[in-house]
Amino acid sequence: MDVEALKSELAFKAVRSSGSGGQNVNKVATKVLLSFNLADSKVLSADQKQRLQIRLNNRLNKEGILILNSDESRSQFRNKAIVIKRFLDLINEGLKEEIKRKPTKIPKAVKQKRLDNKRKNSEKKANRKPPKI
């Protein structure tokens, strides 16, 4: 996957941020919104798009657009870097192939120990009952 080509498909929008920052908040657009149209991407293959569609289903809107934002910093440049890093991490995590779990056998000693404990517990409870005459 070509990261630079993927970055070129991103659309950014700067808006006024909320929260602390004093007058800086009221006059400077520091919050960065990143939008990425998954369906129209030319960098990703059809298989990769399908995998991301499934994995990022709860993060995509109805049009299939992924929207991320960052307002952690008072700098628009730093917020843009943060949101790009977050986007790339999300894409890389979504494209990872799941490793099939190999089922392990339960050792005989563990099975035997469980059965011994069951038997001891059963005998303990049986000894609580009054004897039959």
N, C-alpha and C. Protein backbone atom coordinates (compact mmCIF):
# COMPACT_ATOMS: atom_id res chain seq x y z
N MET A 1 0.85 -1.17 0.00
CA MET A 1 0.00 0.00 0.00
C MET A 1 0.90 1.24 0.00
N ASP A 2 0.62 2.14 -0.91
CA ASP A 2 1.40 3.37 -1.04
C ASP A 2 0.81 4.44 -0.11
N VAL A 3 1.55 4.77 0.93
CA VAL A 3 1.06 5.70 1.95
C VAL A 3 0.90 7.11 1.38
N GLU A 4 1.84 7.56 0.56
CA GLU A 4 1.76 8.90 0.00
C GLU A 4 0.56 9.06 -0.93
N ALA A 5 0.28 8.03 -1.73
CA ALA A 5 -0.88 8.08 -2.62
C ALA A 5 -2.17 8.07 -1.81
N LEU A 6 -2.15 7.32 -0.70
CA LEU A 6 -3.32 7.26 0.17
C LEU A 6 -3.54 8.62 0.84
N LYS A 7 -2.46 9.28 1.24
CA LYS A 7 -2.58 10.61 1.85
C LYS A 7 -3.14 11.63 0.86
N SER A 8 -2.83 11.44 -0.43
CA SER A 8 -3.33 12.38 -1.44
C SER A 8 -4.84 12.27 -1.64
N GLU A 9 -5.44 11.15 -1.23
CA GLU A 9 -6.89 10.97 -1.36
C GLU A 9 -7.66 11.53 -0.17
N LEU A 10 -6.96 12.04 0.83
CA LEU A 10 -7.62 12.57 2.01
C LEU A 10 -8.11 13.99 1.77
N ALA A 11 -9.22 14.32 2.38
CA ALA A 11 -9.74 15.69 2.31
C ALA A 11 -9.75 16.26 3.73
N PHE A 12 -9.22 17.46 3.87
CA PHE A 12 -9.13 18.10 5.18
C PHE A 12 -10.00 19.34 5.22
N LYS A 13 -10.48 19.62 6.43
CA LYS A 13 -11.25 20.83 6.65
C LYS A 13 -10.89 21.34 8.03
N ALA A 14 -10.60 22.61 8.14
CA ALA A 14 -10.26 23.21 9.43
C ALA A 14 -11.47 23.98 9.94
N VAL A 15 -11.82 23.73 11.20
CA VAL A 15 -12.95 24.41 11.82
C VAL A 15 -12.52 24.93 13.19
N ARG A 16 -13.34 25.79 13.75
CA ARG A 16 -13.02 26.31 15.08
C ARG A 16 -13.18 25.22 16.12
N SER A 17 -12.23 25.15 16.98
CA SER A 17 -12.21 24.13 18.02
C SER A 17 -12.98 24.60 19.24
N SER A 18 -13.44 23.66 20.03
CA SER A 18 -14.10 24.01 21.28
C SER A 18 -13.12 23.78 22.42
N GLY A 19 -13.51 24.19 23.60
CA GLY A 19 -12.67 23.92 24.77
C GLY A 19 -11.76 25.07 25.11
N SER A 20 -10.73 24.77 25.92
CA SER A 20 -9.86 25.81 26.42
C SER A 20 -8.97 26.36 25.32
N GLY A 21 -8.45 27.55 25.53
CA GLY A 21 -7.57 28.18 24.56
C GLY A 21 -7.77 29.67 24.51
N GLY A 22 -8.74 30.15 25.27
CA GLY A 22 -8.96 31.60 25.35
C GLY A 22 -9.43 32.17 24.02
N GLN A 23 -8.94 33.34 23.69
CA GLN A 23 -9.35 34.01 22.45
C GLN A 23 -8.88 33.26 21.21
N ASN A 24 -7.86 32.43 21.38
CA ASN A 24 -7.35 31.63 20.26
C ASN A 24 -8.46 30.78 19.67
N VAL A 25 -9.32 30.23 20.53
CA VAL A 25 -10.42 29.37 20.09
C VAL A 25 -11.41 30.15 19.25
N ASN A 26 -11.64 31.41 19.62
CA ASN A 26 -12.66 32.20 18.95
C ASN A 26 -12.24 32.73 17.59
N LYS A 27 -10.95 32.78 17.32
CA LYS A 27 -10.54 33.41 16.07
C LYS A 27 -9.72 32.52 15.14
N VAL A 28 -9.26 31.36 15.60
CA VAL A 28 -8.39 30.52 14.79
C VAL A 28 -9.04 29.14 14.60
N ALA A 29 -9.06 28.66 13.37
CA ALA A 29 -9.63 27.34 13.07
C ALA A 29 -8.53 26.30 13.24
N THR A 30 -8.47 25.69 14.43
CA THR A 30 -7.39 24.74 14.70
C THR A 30 -7.84 23.28 14.64
N LYS A 31 -9.11 23.03 14.80
CA LYS A 31 -9.61 21.66 14.74
C LYS A 31 -9.57 21.18 13.29
N VAL A 32 -9.07 19.95 13.09
CA VAL A 32 -8.93 19.42 11.73
C VAL A 32 -9.87 18.23 11.56
N LEU A 33 -10.69 18.27 10.52
CA LEU A 33 -11.56 17.16 10.15
C LEU A 33 -10.97 16.47 8.92
N LEU A 34 -10.79 15.17 9.01
CA LEU A 34 -10.27 14.38 7.89
C LEU A 34 -11.41 13.54 7.36
N SER A 35 -11.60 13.53 6.05
CA SER A 35 -12.61 12.65 5.47
C SER A 35 -11.97 11.84 4.36
N PHE A 36 -12.34 10.57 4.32
CA PHE A 36 -11.78 9.63 3.35
C PHE A 36 -12.91 8.80 2.77
N ASN A 37 -13.08 8.87 1.45
CA ASN A 37 -14.12 8.10 0.78
C ASN A 37 -13.55 6.73 0.43
N LEU A 38 -13.98 5.72 1.15
CA LEU A 38 -13.44 4.37 0.99
C LEU A 38 -13.81 3.78 -0.36
N ALA A 39 -15.02 4.00 -0.80
CA ALA A 39 -15.48 3.40 -2.06
C ALA A 39 -14.76 3.97 -3.28
N ASP A 40 -14.40 5.26 -3.24
CA ASP A 40 -13.77 5.90 -4.40
C ASP A 40 -12.24 5.83 -4.38
N SER A 41 -11.68 5.13 -3.42
CA SER A 41 -10.22 5.07 -3.32
C SER A 41 -9.61 4.28 -4.48
N LYS A 42 -8.58 4.85 -5.09
CA LYS A 42 -7.90 4.18 -6.20
C LYS A 42 -6.65 3.45 -5.73
N VAL A 43 -6.20 3.74 -4.52
CA VAL A 43 -5.00 3.11 -3.97
C VAL A 43 -5.29 1.70 -3.45
N LEU A 44 -6.45 1.54 -2.85
CA LEU A 44 -6.81 0.26 -2.24
C LEU A 44 -7.44 -0.68 -3.27
N SER A 45 -7.13 -1.96 -3.15
CA SER A 45 -7.73 -2.96 -4.04
C SER A 45 -9.16 -3.25 -3.57
N ALA A 46 -9.90 -3.97 -4.39
CA ALA A 46 -11.29 -4.30 -4.05
C ALA A 46 -11.35 -5.16 -2.79
N ASP A 47 -10.39 -6.08 -2.65
CA ASP A 47 -10.35 -6.94 -1.48
C ASP A 47 -10.06 -6.12 -0.22
N GLN A 48 -9.13 -5.18 -0.32
CA GLN A 48 -8.80 -4.33 0.82
C GLN A 48 -9.99 -3.44 1.19
N LYS A 49 -10.69 -2.92 0.18
CA LYS A 49 -11.86 -2.09 0.45
C LYS A 49 -12.94 -2.89 1.18
N GLN A 50 -13.13 -4.12 0.73
CA GLN A 50 -14.16 -4.97 1.35
C GLN A 50 -13.79 -5.27 2.79
N ARG A 51 -12.52 -5.59 3.04
CA ARG A 51 -12.07 -5.89 4.40
C ARG A 51 -12.25 -4.67 5.30
N LEU A 52 -11.87 -3.48 4.80
CA LEU A 52 -12.02 -2.26 5.58
C LEU A 52 -13.50 -1.93 5.80
N GLN A 53 -14.32 -2.18 4.79
CA GLN A 53 -15.76 -1.93 4.92
C GLN A 53 -16.34 -2.73 6.08
N ILE A 54 -15.90 -3.97 6.22
CA ILE A 54 -16.39 -4.84 7.30
C ILE A 54 -15.82 -4.39 8.64
N ARG A 55 -14.50 -4.17 8.68
CA ARG A 55 -13.85 -3.85 9.96
C ARG A 55 -14.21 -2.46 10.48
N LEU A 56 -14.40 -1.49 9.59
CA LEU A 56 -14.67 -0.11 10.00
C LEU A 56 -16.14 0.24 9.85
N ASN A 57 -16.99 -0.75 9.83
CA ASN A 57 -18.42 -0.55 9.58
C ASN A 57 -19.03 0.47 10.53
N ASN A 58 -18.67 0.41 11.82
CA ASN A 58 -19.27 1.33 12.79
C ASN A 58 -18.65 2.73 12.74
N ARG A 59 -17.59 2.92 11.97
CA ARG A 59 -16.95 4.23 11.88
C ARG A 59 -17.28 4.95 10.57
N LEU A 60 -17.87 4.24 9.63
CA LEU A 60 -18.22 4.84 8.33
C LEU A 60 -19.64 5.40 8.39
N ASN A 61 -19.87 6.50 7.67
CA ASN A 61 -21.23 7.01 7.61
C ASN A 61 -22.00 6.30 6.48
N LYS A 62 -23.22 6.73 6.22
CA LYS A 62 -24.07 6.04 5.24
C LYS A 62 -23.49 6.06 3.83
N GLU A 63 -22.74 7.11 3.51
CA GLU A 63 -22.14 7.23 2.18
C GLU A 63 -20.83 6.46 2.07
N GLY A 64 -20.38 5.84 3.15
CA GLY A 64 -19.12 5.10 3.13
C GLY A 64 -17.90 5.98 3.31
N ILE A 65 -18.09 7.10 3.98
CA ILE A 65 -16.99 8.04 4.20
C ILE A 65 -16.53 7.95 5.65
N LEU A 66 -15.24 7.81 5.82
CA LEU A 66 -14.64 7.77 7.15
C LEU A 66 -14.28 9.20 7.55
N ILE A 67 -14.76 9.63 8.71
CA ILE A 67 -14.49 10.98 9.18
C ILE A 67 -13.80 10.90 10.53
N LEU A 68 -12.62 11.52 10.62
CA LEU A 68 -11.86 11.60 11.86
C LEU A 68 -11.60 13.06 12.16
N ASN A 69 -11.47 13.40 13.45
CA ASN A 69 -11.14 14.77 13.79
C ASN A 69 -10.12 14.81 14.92
N SER A 70 -9.46 15.93 15.02
CA SER A 70 -8.48 16.14 16.08
C SER A 70 -8.50 17.60 16.50
N ASP A 71 -8.67 17.80 17.81
CA ASP A 71 -8.56 19.15 18.36
C ASP A 71 -7.73 19.12 19.64
N GLU A 72 -6.76 18.19 19.68
CA GLU A 72 -5.93 18.02 20.87
C GLU A 72 -4.96 19.18 21.07
N SER A 73 -4.49 19.75 19.99
CA SER A 73 -3.48 20.79 20.08
C SER A 73 -4.06 22.14 19.69
N ARG A 74 -3.34 23.20 20.05
CA ARG A 74 -3.76 24.54 19.65
C ARG A 74 -3.21 24.90 18.27
N SER A 75 -2.44 23.96 17.69
CA SER A 75 -1.85 24.20 16.38
C SER A 75 -2.58 23.37 15.32
N GLN A 76 -3.00 24.02 14.25
CA GLN A 76 -3.67 23.31 13.16
C GLN A 76 -2.73 22.30 12.51
N PHE A 77 -1.48 22.67 12.34
CA PHE A 77 -0.49 21.78 11.73
C PHE A 77 -0.31 20.50 12.55
N ARG A 78 -0.19 20.67 13.88
CA ARG A 78 -0.02 19.50 14.75
C ARG A 78 -1.27 18.63 14.76
N ASN A 79 -2.45 19.25 14.75
CA ASN A 79 -3.70 18.49 14.69
C ASN A 79 -3.81 17.70 13.39
N LYS A 80 -3.33 18.28 12.30
CA LYS A 80 -3.36 17.59 11.02
C LYS A 80 -2.45 16.37 11.05
N ALA A 81 -1.26 16.52 11.65
CA ALA A 81 -0.33 15.40 11.77
C ALA A 81 -0.92 14.30 12.66
N ILE A 82 -1.58 14.69 13.73
CA ILE A 82 -2.18 13.72 14.65
C ILE A 82 -3.27 12.93 13.95
N VAL A 83 -4.14 13.62 13.21
CA VAL A 83 -5.27 12.95 12.56
C VAL A 83 -4.78 12.06 11.41
N ILE A 84 -3.71 12.44 10.72
CA ILE A 84 -3.16 11.58 9.66
C ILE A 84 -2.58 10.31 10.27
N LYS A 85 -1.85 10.46 11.37
CA LYS A 85 -1.27 9.28 12.04
C LYS A 85 -2.38 8.34 12.52
N ARG A 86 -3.43 8.92 13.10
CA ARG A 86 -4.56 8.12 13.58
C ARG A 86 -5.23 7.38 12.43
N PHE A 87 -5.37 8.07 11.27
CA PHE A 87 -5.98 7.46 10.09
C PHE A 87 -5.13 6.29 9.59
N LEU A 88 -3.81 6.51 9.47
CA LEU A 88 -2.94 5.44 8.97
C LEU A 88 -2.92 4.23 9.91
N ASP A 89 -2.92 4.49 11.22
CA ASP A 89 -2.99 3.39 12.19
C ASP A 89 -4.28 2.61 12.03
N LEU A 90 -5.38 3.32 11.83
CA LEU A 90 -6.69 2.68 11.67
C LEU A 90 -6.73 1.82 10.40
N ILE A 91 -6.18 2.33 9.31
CA ILE A 91 -6.16 1.58 8.05
C ILE A 91 -5.27 0.35 8.17
N ASN A 92 -4.08 0.52 8.76
CA ASN A 92 -3.17 -0.62 8.93
C ASN A 92 -3.78 -1.69 9.82
N GLU A 93 -4.45 -1.26 10.88
CA GLU A 93 -5.10 -2.22 11.79
C GLU A 93 -6.25 -2.94 11.08
N GLY A 94 -6.97 -2.22 10.24
CA GLY A 94 -8.09 -2.82 9.51
C GLY A 94 -7.65 -3.79 8.43
N LEU A 95 -6.44 -3.60 7.89
CA LEU A 95 -5.95 -4.47 6.82
C LEU A 95 -5.18 -5.69 7.32
N LYS A 96 -4.92 -5.74 8.63
CA LYS A 96 -4.21 -6.90 9.17
C LYS A 96 -5.06 -8.15 9.01
N GLU A 97 -4.41 -9.22 8.59
CA GLU A 97 -5.14 -10.48 8.47
C GLU A 97 -5.17 -11.17 9.83
N GLU A 98 -6.32 -11.71 10.15
CA GLU A 98 -6.46 -12.41 11.42
C GLU A 98 -5.71 -13.73 11.37
N ILE A 99 -5.01 -14.02 12.46
CA ILE A 99 -4.28 -15.29 12.56
C ILE A 99 -5.24 -16.32 13.13
N LYS A 100 -5.37 -17.43 12.41
CA LYS A 100 -6.26 -18.48 12.87
C LYS A 100 -5.72 -19.10 14.15
N ARG A 101 -6.59 -19.30 15.12
CA ARG A 101 -6.19 -19.89 16.38
C ARG A 101 -6.07 -21.39 16.21
N LYS A 102 -4.95 -21.94 16.66
CA LYS A 102 -4.77 -23.38 16.62
C LYS A 102 -5.26 -23.95 17.94
N PRO A 103 -6.29 -24.78 17.90
CA PRO A 103 -6.79 -25.33 19.16
C PRO A 103 -5.76 -26.27 19.78
N THR A 104 -5.54 -26.12 21.08
CA THR A 104 -4.58 -26.97 21.77
C THR A 104 -5.32 -28.09 22.48
N LYS A 105 -4.63 -29.22 22.62
CA LYS A 105 -5.23 -30.35 23.33
C LYS A 105 -5.04 -30.16 24.82
N ILE A 106 -6.06 -30.57 25.56
CA ILE A 106 -5.96 -30.50 27.01
C ILE A 106 -5.10 -31.68 27.47
N PRO A 107 -4.05 -31.41 28.26
CA PRO A 107 -3.18 -32.50 28.70
C PRO A 107 -3.92 -33.52 29.56
N LYS A 108 -3.47 -34.78 29.50
CA LYS A 108 -4.11 -35.86 30.27
C LYS A 108 -4.04 -35.59 31.76
N ALA A 109 -2.93 -35.02 32.22
CA ALA A 109 -2.76 -34.74 33.65
C ALA A 109 -3.82 -33.75 34.14
N VAL A 110 -4.16 -32.76 33.31
CA VAL A 110 -5.16 -31.77 33.68
C VAL A 110 -6.54 -32.42 33.76
N LYS A 111 -6.84 -33.29 32.78
CA LYS A 111 -8.12 -34.01 32.81
C LYS A 111 -8.22 -34.89 34.05
N GLN A 112 -7.13 -35.60 34.37
CA GLN A 112 -7.11 -36.50 35.52
C GLN A 112 -7.29 -35.71 36.82
N LYS A 113 -6.64 -34.57 36.92
CA LYS A 113 -6.74 -33.74 38.12
C LYS A 113 -8.17 -33.27 38.32
N ARG A 114 -8.83 -32.86 37.21
CA ARG A 114 -10.23 -32.43 37.29
C ARG A 114 -11.13 -33.55 37.76
N LEU A 115 -10.92 -34.76 37.23
CA LEU A 115 -11.74 -35.90 37.64
C LEU A 115 -11.49 -36.27 39.09
N ASP A 116 -10.22 -36.19 39.53
CA ASP A 116 -9.91 -36.48 40.94
C ASP A 116 -10.60 -35.50 41.87
N ASN A 117 -10.55 -34.20 41.50
CA ASN A 117 -11.23 -33.18 42.31
C ASN A 117 -12.74 -33.42 42.36
N LYS A 118 -13.31 -33.83 41.23
CA LYS A 118 -14.75 -34.13 41.20
C LYS A 118 -15.08 -35.29 42.13
N ARG A 119 -14.22 -36.31 42.07
CA ARG A 119 -14.47 -37.49 42.90
C ARG A 119 -14.35 -37.14 44.38
N LYS A 120 -13.33 -36.38 44.75
CA LYS A 120 -13.15 -35.97 46.15
C LYS A 120 -14.32 -35.14 46.63
N ASN A 121 -14.79 -34.22 45.79
CA ASN A 121 -15.93 -33.38 46.15
C ASN A 121 -17.18 -34.22 46.33
N SER A 122 -17.35 -35.19 45.46
CA SER A 122 -18.51 -36.08 45.54
C SER A 122 -18.47 -36.90 46.83
N GLU A 123 -17.29 -37.43 47.16
CA GLU A 123 -17.16 -38.22 48.40
C GLU A 123 -17.40 -37.34 49.63
N LYS A 124 -16.92 -36.11 49.60
CA LYS A 124 -17.11 -35.19 50.72
C LYS A 124 -18.59 -34.95 50.96
N LYS A 125 -19.34 -34.73 49.86
CA LYS A 125 -20.77 -34.48 49.99
C LYS A 125 -21.53 -35.75 50.39
N ALA A 126 -21.08 -36.90 49.91
CA ALA A 126 -21.73 -38.17 50.25
C ALA A 126 -21.54 -38.48 51.75
N ASN A 127 -20.42 -38.08 52.31
CA ASN A 127 -20.15 -38.30 53.75
C ASN A 127 -21.00 -37.43 54.64
N ARG A 128 -21.60 -36.40 54.12
CA ARG A 128 -22.48 -35.53 54.91
C ARG A 128 -23.83 -36.16 55.18
N LYS A 129 -24.22 -37.08 54.33
CA LYS A 129 -25.54 -37.72 54.46
C LYS A 129 -25.52 -38.71 55.62
N PRO A 130 -26.69 -38.91 56.24
CA PRO A 130 -26.74 -39.91 57.34
C PRO A 130 -26.61 -41.32 56.72
N PRO A 131 -25.99 -42.23 57.46
CA PRO A 131 -25.79 -43.59 56.93
C PRO A 131 -27.12 -44.33 56.77
N LYS A 132 -27.19 -45.18 55.77
CA LYS A 132 -28.39 -46.00 55.55
C LYS A 132 -28.28 -47.28 56.37
N ILE A 133 -29.32 -47.56 57.13
CA ILE A 133 -29.30 -48.77 57.98
C ILE A 133 -30.27 -49.80 57.43
